[in-house]
Amino acid sequence: MRARIAAAHLALLVLAHLPPPGVCDVAGGAGSVNALPAGGAGAGRLAPSFDAATPRNVTALVGKSAYLSCRVRNLGNRTVSWIRHRDLHILTVGGYTYTSDQRFQAVHSPHTDDWTLHVKWAQQRDAGVYECQVSTQPVRSFFVTLHVVVPSARILGGPDLHVDIGSTINLTCLIQFSPEPPAYIFWYHEDEVISYDSSRGGVSVVTEKGAATTSYLLVQDAAPHDSGRYSCSPSNAEVASVRVHVLNGERPAAMQTGSAGLSNSSCCILALLFASALHARLLAALLAS
C-alpha cells in the first residue's frame, strides 16, 4: 500500500510539471513559473496551508452533484491535485481532469483559494476518502470523506405491531434521502393494493411531503382479518413492510413465552437451592451419628 501511495505521489510531481493534455509549454526551462530558483523572490514566501474550517465530510444524494472543497492559503506556484483513495487514482491536477470518467471536474475561480472537486451524478461507488494534495516537498494533504445516500423508506415501530380488536391501525411510513418527494405512495395489505373506497370502509391515507415525506395509513375498527403484512411502496425507494397482529384482548405470544420462561427458571433455581440445603443437613446428621 505504501509503495502505491509513493508511486501516486511521484506521478503527481511529474504531472504537476507537465503541460495539460494538448497544450505545449513554451515557457519551460529556467524561465518558467515552475522553475523558480530556491533563493531570491520565492525564498521568503509563506508555506501553503489548508483552511481548517473546510468540511471534512460531505453527504450527497445518489444521482445528484457532490462538491468537495479544498481551500489552500499561500499556494504560490504549487499545484493542487485530487486523488481518490479507493484506487489511488489521480482525478485532477490543477484545473485539468486526468481520468476518463468525465463526471469528475476540478473547479477553481481565479484569484481565490478554493479548489473544488465536482462529482456529477454521484453513485454509491463514489463514496469514500478523497485527498486534496499540494505539490510541496514533502507533499501536504487534506482529506475529505464523501457519503452517498439513497432514498429509503421505513415503517415506524416495526417489524411487528400489536393492536387490540376494534381499535385503529395507525401506520407511519417515512421516506428519507430523496432528491424530491415521491410522485406516489402505494400501501399494500399482503399483496393487494389497499383501496380507500372499498366496501370495507374506514381506510384513509394522509401524506405530508417535504425534505422527508411521511405517509400515514389509518384503518379503523380493526378486525382479525386485518392482520398480516402491510407494505409502503413509494415511487422512488424500496418497499418497506411491517406485520400487524390484531389481538382479541390477549397479550402477544412473545411476551407470554418470555414471562413463562422467567417464572420456570426462578422455580428451578429455588428447587435446586432447597435440595442443596437439605442434602447438607442430611450429611451433617450422618457425620454426627
C-alpha atoms as a PDB file:
ATOM      1  CA  MET A   1       0.000   0.000   0.000  1.00  0.00           C
ATOM      2  CA  ARG A   2       2.819   2.432   0.909  1.00  0.00           C
ATOM      3  CA  ALA A   3       4.507   1.653  -2.404  1.00  0.00           C
ATOM      4  CA  ARG A   4       1.323   2.522  -4.295  1.00  0.00           C
ATOM      5  CA  ILE A   5       0.933   5.781  -2.393  1.00  0.00           C
ATOM      6  CA  ALA A   6       4.578   6.678  -3.071  1.00  0.00           C
ATOM      7  CA  ALA A   7       4.076   5.911  -6.755  1.00  0.00           C
ATOM      8  CA  ALA A   8       0.987   8.122  -6.855  1.00  0.00           C
ATOM      9  CA  HIS A   9       2.873  10.972  -5.208  1.00  0.00           C
ATOM     10  CA  LEU A  10       5.739  10.593  -7.696  1.00  0.00           C
ATOM     11  CA  ALA A  11       3.284  10.644 -10.580  1.00  0.00           C
ATOM     12  CA  LEU A  12       1.748  13.830  -9.203  1.00  0.00           C
ATOM     13  CA  LEU A  13       5.126  15.533  -9.057  1.00  0.00           C
ATOM     14  CA  VAL A  14       5.720  14.617 -12.702  1.00  0.00           C
ATOM     15  CA  LEU A  15       2.229  15.685 -13.795  1.00  0.00           C
ATOM     16  CA  ALA A  16       2.496  18.965 -11.914  1.00  0.00           C
ATOM     17  CA  HIS A  17       5.347  19.988 -14.193  1.00  0.00           C
ATOM     18  CA  LEU A  18       3.825  18.716 -17.410  1.00  0.00           C
ATOM     19  CA  PRO A  19       1.630  20.850 -19.670  1.00  0.00           C
ATOM     20  CA  PRO A  20      -2.087  19.906 -19.739  1.00  0.00           C
ATOM     21  CA  PRO A  21      -3.204  17.492 -22.426  1.00  0.00           C
ATOM     22  CA  GLY A  22      -2.931  19.040 -25.881  1.00  0.00           C
ATOM     23  CA  VAL A  23      -1.029  22.124 -24.682  1.00  0.00           C
ATOM     24  CA  CYS A  24       2.658  22.863 -25.317  1.00  0.00           C
ATOM     25  CA  ASP A  25       4.514  24.691 -22.519  1.00  0.00           C
ATOM     26  CA  VAL A  26       6.755  27.058 -24.467  1.00  0.00           C
ATOM     27  CA  ALA A  27       7.803  28.841 -21.258  1.00  0.00           C
ATOM     28  CA  GLY A  28       9.614  25.845 -19.788  1.00  0.00           C
ATOM     29  CA  GLY A  29      13.153  25.613 -18.533  1.00  0.00           C
ATOM     30  CA  ALA A  30      14.814  28.166 -16.311  1.00  0.00           C
ATOM     31  CA  GLY A  31      12.382  30.902 -17.289  1.00  0.00           C
ATOM     32  CA  SER A  32       9.115  29.043 -16.486  1.00  0.00           C
ATOM     33  CA  VAL A  33       6.988  29.749 -13.436  1.00  0.00           C
ATOM     34  CA  ASN A  34       7.558  26.151 -12.263  1.00  0.00           C
ATOM     35  CA  ALA A  35      11.315  26.638 -12.202  1.00  0.00           C
ATOM     36  CA  LEU A  36      11.786  29.449  -9.691  1.00  0.00           C
ATOM     37  CA  PRO A  37      15.209  29.378  -8.033  1.00  0.00           C
ATOM     38  CA  ALA A  38      15.469  28.204  -4.445  1.00  0.00           C
ATOM     39  CA  GLY A  39      16.568  31.651  -3.313  1.00  0.00           C
ATOM     40  CA  GLY A  40      15.536  35.136  -4.333  1.00  0.00           C
ATOM     41  CA  ALA A  41      11.862  36.052  -4.809  1.00  0.00           C
ATOM     42  CA  GLY A  42      10.489  32.656  -3.803  1.00  0.00           C
ATOM     43  CA  ALA A  43      12.593  32.155  -0.687  1.00  0.00           C
ATOM     44  CA  GLY A  44      10.562  34.325   1.678  1.00  0.00           C
ATOM     45  CA  ARG A  45       7.090  33.002   0.786  1.00  0.00           C
ATOM     46  CA  LEU A  46       4.841  31.504   3.411  1.00  0.00           C
ATOM     47  CA  ALA A  47       4.276  27.769   3.155  1.00  0.00           C
ATOM     48  CA  PRO A  48       0.893  26.629   1.772  1.00  0.00           C
ATOM     49  CA  SER A  49      -1.713  25.725   4.389  1.00  0.00           C
ATOM     50  CA  PHE A  50      -5.261  24.370   4.436  1.00  0.00           C
ATOM     51  CA  ASP A  51      -8.243  26.193   5.886  1.00  0.00           C
ATOM     52  CA  ALA A  52      -9.223  24.158   8.950  1.00  0.00           C
ATOM     53  CA  ALA A  53     -12.852  25.292   8.627  1.00  0.00           C
ATOM     54  CA  THR A  54     -13.304  23.397   5.356  1.00  0.00           C
ATOM     55  CA  PRO A  55     -15.790  20.495   5.801  1.00  0.00           C
ATOM     56  CA  ARG A  56     -14.137  17.103   6.014  1.00  0.00           C
ATOM     57  CA  ASN A  57     -17.403  15.197   5.494  1.00  0.00           C
ATOM     58  CA  VAL A  58     -19.717  15.734   2.537  1.00  0.00           C
ATOM     59  CA  THR A  59     -23.071  13.993   2.006  1.00  0.00           C
ATOM     60  CA  ALA A  60     -24.639  13.785  -1.445  1.00  0.00           C
ATOM     61  CA  LEU A  61     -27.808  12.224  -2.786  1.00  0.00           C
ATOM     62  CA  VAL A  62     -27.356   9.476  -5.338  1.00  0.00           C
ATOM     63  CA  GLY A  63     -27.768  10.867  -8.835  1.00  0.00           C
ATOM     64  CA  LYS A  64     -27.048  14.425  -7.733  1.00  0.00           C
ATOM     65  CA  SER A  65     -23.862  16.521  -7.711  1.00  0.00           C
ATOM     66  CA  ALA A  66     -21.329  16.432  -4.880  1.00  0.00           C
ATOM     67  CA  TYR A  67     -18.873  19.244  -4.179  1.00  0.00           C
ATOM     68  CA  LEU A  68     -15.682  18.516  -2.212  1.00  0.00           C
ATOM     69  CA  SER A  69     -13.969  21.724  -1.158  1.00  0.00           C
ATOM     70  CA  CYS A  70     -10.295  22.362  -0.521  1.00  0.00           C
ATOM     71  CA  ARG A  71      -9.159  25.845   0.488  1.00  0.00           C
ATOM     72  CA  VAL A  72      -5.393  26.396   0.209  1.00  0.00           C
ATOM     73  CA  ARG A  73      -3.715  29.533   1.556  1.00  0.00           C
ATOM     74  CA  ASN A  74      -0.404  30.811   0.144  1.00  0.00           C
ATOM     75  CA  LEU A  75      -0.431  28.352  -2.753  1.00  0.00           C
ATOM     76  CA  GLY A  76       2.094  30.287  -4.827  1.00  0.00           C
ATOM     77  CA  ASN A  77       3.263  28.330  -7.859  1.00  0.00           C
ATOM     78  CA  ARG A  78       2.348  24.938  -6.391  1.00  0.00           C
ATOM     79  CA  THR A  79      -0.295  22.686  -7.902  1.00  0.00           C
ATOM     80  CA  VAL A  80      -3.441  21.314  -6.265  1.00  0.00           C
ATOM     81  CA  SER A  81      -4.495  17.772  -7.161  1.00  0.00           C
ATOM     82  CA  TRP A  82      -7.335  15.460  -6.150  1.00  0.00           C
ATOM     83  CA  ILE A  83      -6.735  11.728  -5.565  1.00  0.00           C
ATOM     84  CA  ARG A  84      -9.362   9.020  -4.963  1.00  0.00           C
ATOM     85  CA  HIS A  85      -8.057   6.776  -2.187  1.00  0.00           C
ATOM     86  CA  ARG A  86     -10.101   3.721  -3.147  1.00  0.00           C
ATOM     87  CA  ASP A  87      -7.771   3.024  -6.059  1.00  0.00           C
ATOM     88  CA  LEU A  88      -5.196   5.842  -5.649  1.00  0.00           C
ATOM     89  CA  HIS A  89      -6.425   7.259  -8.944  1.00  0.00           C
ATOM     90  CA  ILE A  90      -5.334  10.810  -9.805  1.00  0.00           C
ATOM     91  CA  LEU A  91      -8.538  12.614 -10.779  1.00  0.00           C
ATOM     92  CA  THR A  92      -7.450  16.192 -11.359  1.00  0.00           C
ATOM     93  CA  VAL A  93      -4.223  18.201 -11.477  1.00  0.00           C
ATOM     94  CA  GLY A  94      -4.697  21.949 -11.312  1.00  0.00           C
ATOM     95  CA  GLY A  95      -7.700  22.770 -13.461  1.00  0.00           C
ATOM     96  CA  TYR A  96      -7.420  19.689 -15.656  1.00  0.00           C
ATOM     97  CA  THR A  97      -9.028  16.263 -15.404  1.00  0.00           C
ATOM     98  CA  TYR A  98      -6.780  13.193 -15.646  1.00  0.00           C
ATOM     99  CA  THR A  99      -9.441  10.497 -15.627  1.00  0.00           C
ATOM    100  CA  SER A 100     -11.641   9.106 -18.366  1.00  0.00           C
ATOM    101  CA  ASP A 101     -14.654   9.450 -16.050  1.00  0.00           C
ATOM    102  CA  GLN A 102     -15.901  12.864 -17.068  1.00  0.00           C
ATOM    103  CA  ARG A 103     -18.164  13.053 -14.033  1.00  0.00           C
ATOM    104  CA  PHE A 104     -15.137  14.397 -12.155  1.00  0.00           C
ATOM    105  CA  GLN A 105     -14.159  18.007 -12.715  1.00  0.00           C
ATOM    106  CA  ALA A 106     -11.847  20.487 -10.999  1.00  0.00           C
ATOM    107  CA  VAL A 107     -13.490  23.836 -10.274  1.00  0.00           C
ATOM    108  CA  HIS A 108     -11.368  26.894  -9.450  1.00  0.00           C
ATOM    109  CA  SER A 109     -12.205  30.578  -9.728  1.00  0.00           C
ATOM    110  CA  PRO A 110      -9.205  32.828 -10.451  1.00  0.00           C
ATOM    111  CA  HIS A 111      -7.816  34.839  -7.524  1.00  0.00           C
ATOM    112  CA  THR A 112      -9.473  32.560  -4.947  1.00  0.00           C
ATOM    113  CA  ASP A 113      -8.094  29.901  -2.604  1.00  0.00           C
ATOM    114  CA  ASP A 114     -10.828  27.372  -3.362  1.00  0.00           C
ATOM    115  CA  TRP A 115     -10.115  24.208  -5.327  1.00  0.00           C
ATOM    116  CA  THR A 116     -13.286  22.153  -5.585  1.00  0.00           C
ATOM    117  CA  LEU A 117     -13.764  18.613  -6.869  1.00  0.00           C
ATOM    118  CA  HIS A 118     -17.141  18.415  -8.604  1.00  0.00           C
ATOM    119  CA  VAL A 119     -18.604  14.906  -8.787  1.00  0.00           C
ATOM    120  CA  LYS A 120     -21.539  14.831 -11.198  1.00  0.00           C
ATOM    121  CA  TRP A 121     -24.365  12.310 -10.832  1.00  0.00           C
ATOM    122  CA  ALA A 122     -22.850  10.758  -7.699  1.00  0.00           C
ATOM    123  CA  GLN A 123     -23.106   6.983  -7.402  1.00  0.00           C
ATOM    124  CA  GLN A 124     -22.801   4.752  -4.347  1.00  0.00           C
ATOM    125  CA  ARG A 125     -19.410   3.531  -5.572  1.00  0.00           C
ATOM    126  CA  ASP A 126     -18.134   7.132  -5.365  1.00  0.00           C
ATOM    127  CA  ALA A 127     -18.366   7.094  -1.577  1.00  0.00           C
ATOM    128  CA  GLY A 128     -15.043   7.114   0.249  1.00  0.00           C
ATOM    129  CA  VAL A 129     -11.998   9.228   1.041  1.00  0.00           C
ATOM    130  CA  TYR A 130     -10.598  11.831  -1.349  1.00  0.00           C
ATOM    131  CA  GLU A 131      -7.252  13.571  -0.929  1.00  0.00           C
ATOM    132  CA  CYS A 132      -6.581  17.189  -1.832  1.00  0.00           C
ATOM    133  CA  GLN A 133      -2.824  17.350  -2.309  1.00  0.00           C
ATOM    134  CA  VAL A 134      -0.428  20.286  -2.740  1.00  0.00           C
ATOM    135  CA  SER A 135       2.833  19.712  -4.636  1.00  0.00           C
ATOM    136  CA  THR A 136       5.182  20.851  -1.874  1.00  0.00           C
ATOM    137  CA  GLN A 137       8.253  18.932  -0.694  1.00  0.00           C
ATOM    138  CA  PRO A 138       7.073  16.866   1.098  1.00  0.00           C
ATOM    139  CA  VAL A 139       3.514  16.980  -0.208  1.00  0.00           C
ATOM    140  CA  ARG A 140       0.735  18.339   2.002  1.00  0.00           C
ATOM    141  CA  SER A 141      -2.685  16.714   2.057  1.00  0.00           C
ATOM    142  CA  PHE A 142      -6.241  17.443   3.164  1.00  0.00           C
ATOM    143  CA  PHE A 143      -8.727  14.565   3.328  1.00  0.00           C
ATOM    144  CA  VAL A 144     -12.463  14.713   2.618  1.00  0.00           C
ATOM    145  CA  THR A 145     -14.888  11.800   3.068  1.00  0.00           C
ATOM    146  CA  LEU A 146     -17.810  11.596   0.651  1.00  0.00           C
ATOM    147  CA  HIS A 147     -21.017   9.867   1.773  1.00  0.00           C
ATOM    148  CA  VAL A 148     -23.597   8.972  -0.894  1.00  0.00           C
ATOM    149  CA  VAL A 149     -27.094   8.241   0.382  1.00  0.00           C
ATOM    150  CA  VAL A 150     -30.005   6.629  -1.430  1.00  0.00           C
ATOM    151  CA  PRO A 151     -33.722   7.192  -0.864  1.00  0.00           C
ATOM    152  CA  SER A 152     -35.069   4.837   1.785  1.00  0.00           C
ATOM    153  CA  ALA A 153     -38.455   4.012   3.275  1.00  0.00           C
ATOM    154  CA  ARG A 154     -39.275   2.539   6.678  1.00  0.00           C
ATOM    155  CA  ILE A 155     -42.422   1.988   8.704  1.00  0.00           C
ATOM    156  CA  LEU A 156     -42.027   3.202  12.277  1.00  0.00           C
ATOM    157  CA  GLY A 157     -42.462   0.712  15.089  1.00  0.00           C
ATOM    158  CA  GLY A 158     -41.765  -2.448  13.091  1.00  0.00           C
ATOM    159  CA  PRO A 159     -41.132  -5.204  12.359  1.00  0.00           C
ATOM    160  CA  ASP A 160     -44.238  -6.276  14.346  1.00  0.00           C
ATOM    161  CA  LEU A 161     -47.112  -4.193  15.666  1.00  0.00           C
ATOM    162  CA  HIS A 162     -49.849  -5.398  18.020  1.00  0.00           C
ATOM    163  CA  VAL A 163     -53.222  -3.655  18.197  1.00  0.00           C
ATOM    164  CA  ASP A 164     -56.435  -4.501  20.031  1.00  0.00           C
ATOM    165  CA  ILE A 165     -59.511  -5.581  18.122  1.00  0.00           C
ATOM    166  CA  GLY A 166     -61.818  -2.647  17.434  1.00  0.00           C
ATOM    167  CA  SER A 167     -59.027  -0.065  17.670  1.00  0.00           C
ATOM    168  CA  THR A 168     -57.397   1.894  14.803  1.00  0.00           C
ATOM    169  CA  ILE A 169     -54.365   0.589  12.941  1.00  0.00           C
ATOM    170  CA  ASN A 170     -52.080   3.618  12.519  1.00  0.00           C
ATOM    171  CA  LEU A 171     -49.027   3.048  10.323  1.00  0.00           C
ATOM    172  CA  THR A 172     -46.414   5.726   9.564  1.00  0.00           C
ATOM    173  CA  CYS A 173     -44.110   5.392   6.543  1.00  0.00           C
ATOM    174  CA  LEU A 174     -41.080   7.710   6.470  1.00  0.00           C
ATOM    175  CA  ILE A 175     -39.279   8.336   3.154  1.00  0.00           C
ATOM    176  CA  GLN A 176     -35.831   9.927   3.547  1.00  0.00           C
ATOM    177  CA  PHE A 177     -32.842  10.970   1.401  1.00  0.00           C
ATOM    178  CA  SER A 178     -34.982  11.564  -1.652  1.00  0.00           C
ATOM    179  CA  PRO A 179     -33.884  14.254  -4.145  1.00  0.00           C
ATOM    180  CA  GLU A 180     -37.561  15.130  -4.498  1.00  0.00           C
ATOM    181  CA  PRO A 181     -40.811  13.891  -2.913  1.00  0.00           C
ATOM    182  CA  PRO A 182     -42.126  10.613  -4.372  1.00  0.00           C
ATOM    183  CA  ALA A 183     -44.625  11.004  -7.184  1.00  0.00           C
ATOM    184  CA  TYR A 184     -46.887   8.458  -5.466  1.00  0.00           C
ATOM    185  CA  ILE A 185     -47.024   6.078  -2.491  1.00  0.00           C
ATOM    186  CA  PHE A 186     -48.976   2.825  -2.604  1.00  0.00           C
ATOM    187  CA  TRP A 187     -49.986   0.893   0.515  1.00  0.00           C
ATOM    188  CA  TYR A 188     -50.437  -2.885   0.341  1.00  0.00           C
ATOM    189  CA  HIS A 189     -52.122  -5.418   2.624  1.00  0.00           C
ATOM    190  CA  GLU A 190     -50.356  -8.676   1.875  1.00  0.00           C
ATOM    191  CA  ASP A 191     -50.062  -8.494  -1.944  1.00  0.00           C
ATOM    192  CA  GLU A 192     -53.159  -6.401  -2.672  1.00  0.00           C
ATOM    193  CA  VAL A 193     -53.221  -2.634  -3.083  1.00  0.00           C
ATOM    194  CA  ILE A 194     -55.300  -1.041  -0.332  1.00  0.00           C
ATOM    195  CA  SER A 195     -58.324   0.646  -1.865  1.00  0.00           C
ATOM    196  CA  TYR A 196     -59.586   3.644   0.041  1.00  0.00           C
ATOM    197  CA  ASP A 197     -63.096   3.397  -1.431  1.00  0.00           C
ATOM    198  CA  SER A 198     -63.539  -0.362  -0.881  1.00  0.00           C
ATOM    199  CA  SER A 199     -66.655  -1.823   0.700  1.00  0.00           C
ATOM    200  CA  ARG A 200     -64.758  -2.273   3.965  1.00  0.00           C
ATOM    201  CA  GLY A 201     -64.658   1.452   4.596  1.00  0.00           C
ATOM    202  CA  GLY A 202     -62.763   3.222   7.389  1.00  0.00           C
ATOM    203  CA  VAL A 203     -59.469   3.355   5.468  1.00  0.00           C
ATOM    204  CA  SER A 204     -57.666   6.660   4.864  1.00  0.00           C
ATOM    205  CA  VAL A 205     -54.191   7.890   3.914  1.00  0.00           C
ATOM    206  CA  VAL A 206     -52.589  11.237   4.744  1.00  0.00           C
ATOM    207  CA  THR A 207     -49.281  12.195   3.072  1.00  0.00           C
ATOM    208  CA  GLU A 208     -47.055  15.116   4.064  1.00  0.00           C
ATOM    209  CA  LYS A 209     -44.362  15.963   1.510  1.00  0.00           C
ATOM    210  CA  GLY A 210     -41.129  17.803   2.237  1.00  0.00           C
ATOM    211  CA  ALA A 211     -37.415  17.170   2.780  1.00  0.00           C
ATOM    212  CA  ALA A 212     -38.647  13.926   4.354  1.00  0.00           C
ATOM    213  CA  THR A 213     -42.021  12.616   3.206  1.00  0.00           C
ATOM    214  CA  THR A 214     -44.382  10.957   5.682  1.00  0.00           C
ATOM    215  CA  SER A 215     -47.400   8.846   4.745  1.00  0.00           C
ATOM    216  CA  TYR A 216     -49.959   7.767   7.346  1.00  0.00           C
ATOM    217  CA  LEU A 217     -52.279   4.782   6.844  1.00  0.00           C
ATOM    218  CA  LEU A 218     -55.330   4.629   9.140  1.00  0.00           C
ATOM    219  CA  VAL A 219     -57.515   1.514   9.311  1.00  0.00           C
ATOM    220  CA  GLN A 220     -60.413   1.974  11.724  1.00  0.00           C
ATOM    221  CA  ASP A 221     -62.232  -0.712  13.713  1.00  0.00           C
ATOM    222  CA  ALA A 222     -59.518  -3.335  13.319  1.00  0.00           C
ATOM    223  CA  ALA A 223     -60.712  -6.940  12.954  1.00  0.00           C
ATOM    224  CA  PRO A 224     -58.789 -10.238  12.923  1.00  0.00           C
ATOM    225  CA  HIS A 225     -58.874 -10.348   9.107  1.00  0.00           C
ATOM    226  CA  ASP A 226     -56.957  -7.031   9.096  1.00  0.00           C
ATOM    227  CA  SER A 227     -53.903  -8.836  10.462  1.00  0.00           C
ATOM    228  CA  GLY A 228     -50.991  -9.519   8.136  1.00  0.00           C
ATOM    229  CA  ARG A 229     -48.184  -7.783   6.271  1.00  0.00           C
ATOM    230  CA  TYR A 230     -48.591  -4.110   5.377  1.00  0.00           C
ATOM    231  CA  SER A 231     -46.208  -2.510   2.881  1.00  0.00           C
ATOM    232  CA  CYS A 232     -45.404   1.062   1.935  1.00  0.00           C
ATOM    233  CA  SER A 233     -44.210   1.384  -1.680  1.00  0.00           C
ATOM    234  CA  PRO A 234     -43.017   4.857  -2.739  1.00  0.00           C
ATOM    235  CA  SER A 235     -42.196   5.612  -6.369  1.00  0.00           C
ATOM    236  CA  ASN A 236     -38.525   6.394  -5.648  1.00  0.00           C
ATOM    237  CA  ALA A 237     -37.477   3.995  -2.857  1.00  0.00           C
ATOM    238  CA  GLU A 238     -37.515   0.334  -1.897  1.00  0.00           C
ATOM    239  CA  VAL A 239     -40.618  -1.182  -0.312  1.00  0.00           C
ATOM    240  CA  ALA A 240     -40.884  -1.120   3.498  1.00  0.00           C
ATOM    241  CA  SER A 241     -43.031  -3.671   5.358  1.00  0.00           C
ATOM    242  CA  VAL A 242     -44.387  -4.394   8.814  1.00  0.00           C
ATOM    243  CA  ARG A 243     -46.551  -7.196  10.212  1.00  0.00           C
ATOM    244  CA  VAL A 244     -49.689  -6.244  12.127  1.00  0.00           C
ATOM    245  CA  HIS A 245     -51.301  -8.536  14.720  1.00  0.00           C
ATOM    246  CA  VAL A 246     -54.886  -7.764  15.730  1.00  0.00           C
ATOM    247  CA  LEU A 247     -55.366  -9.200  19.243  1.00  0.00           C
ATOM    248  CA  ASN A 248     -58.631 -10.086  20.947  1.00  0.00           C
ATOM    249  CA  GLY A 249     -57.574  -8.840  24.365  1.00  0.00           C
ATOM    250  CA  GLU A 250     -54.741 -11.368  24.741  1.00  0.00           C
ATOM    251  CA  ARG A 251     -51.105 -10.493  25.258  1.00  0.00           C
ATOM    252  CA  PRO A 252     -48.618 -11.060  22.421  1.00  0.00           C
ATOM    253  CA  ALA A 253     -47.271 -14.620  22.291  1.00  0.00           C
ATOM    254  CA  ALA A 254     -43.676 -13.440  22.592  1.00  0.00           C
ATOM    255  CA  MET A 255     -44.432 -11.691  25.886  1.00  0.00           C
ATOM    256  CA  GLN A 256     -46.199 -14.803  27.245  1.00  0.00           C
ATOM    257  CA  THR A 257     -43.223 -17.002  26.340  1.00  0.00           C
ATOM    258  CA  GLY A 258     -40.765 -14.624  27.948  1.00  0.00           C
ATOM    259  CA  SER A 259     -42.772 -14.361  31.149  1.00  0.00           C
ATOM    260  CA  ALA A 260     -43.267 -18.114  31.430  1.00  0.00           C
ATOM    261  CA  GLY A 261     -39.594 -18.775  30.803  1.00  0.00           C
ATOM    262  CA  LEU A 262     -38.567 -16.384  33.586  1.00  0.00           C
ATOM    263  CA  SER A 263     -41.032 -17.946  36.038  1.00  0.00           C
ATOM    264  CA  ASN A 264     -39.912 -21.525  35.293  1.00  0.00           C
ATOM    265  CA  SER A 265     -36.265 -20.560  35.656  1.00  0.00           C
ATOM    266  CA  SER A 266     -36.908 -18.994  39.068  1.00  0.00           C
ATOM    267  CA  CYS A 267     -38.720 -22.119  40.265  1.00  0.00           C
ATOM    268  CA  CYS A 268     -35.856 -24.344  39.139  1.00  0.00           C
ATOM    269  CA  ILE A 269     -33.287 -22.226  40.959  1.00  0.00           C
ATOM    270  CA  LEU A 270     -35.305 -22.248  44.190  1.00  0.00           C
ATOM    271  CA  ALA A 271     -35.747 -26.023  43.939  1.00  0.00           C
ATOM    272  CA  LEU A 272     -32.004 -26.560  43.491  1.00  0.00           C
ATOM    273  CA  LEU A 273     -31.179 -24.323  46.459  1.00  0.00           C
ATOM    274  CA  PHE A 274     -33.675 -26.192  48.645  1.00  0.00           C
ATOM    275  CA  ALA A 275     -32.296 -29.582  47.567  1.00  0.00           C
ATOM    276  CA  SER A 276     -28.716 -28.455  48.272  1.00  0.00           C
ATOM    277  CA  ALA A 277     -29.607 -27.227  51.750  1.00  0.00           C
ATOM    278  CA  LEU A 278     -31.468 -30.443  52.567  1.00  0.00           C
ATOM    279  CA  HIS A 279     -28.541 -32.534  51.340  1.00  0.00           C
ATOM    280  CA  ALA A 280     -26.124 -30.574  53.520  1.00  0.00           C
ATOM    281  CA  ARG A 281     -28.274 -31.063  56.643  1.00  0.00           C
ATOM    282  CA  LEU A 282     -28.619 -34.819  55.998  1.00  0.00           C
ATOM    283  CA  LEU A 283     -24.847 -35.153  55.516  1.00  0.00           C
ATOM    284  CA  ALA A 284     -24.167 -33.265  58.735  1.00  0.00           C
ATOM    285  CA  ALA A 285     -26.602 -35.514  60.629  1.00  0.00           C
ATOM    286  CA  LEU A 286     -24.926 -38.676  59.314  1.00  0.00           C
ATOM    287  CA  LEU A 287     -21.462 -37.432  60.302  1.00  0.00           C
ATOM    288  CA  ALA A 288     -22.680 -36.538  63.769  1.00  0.00           C
ATOM    289  CA  SER A 289     -24.069 -40.060  64.325  1.00  0.00           C
END
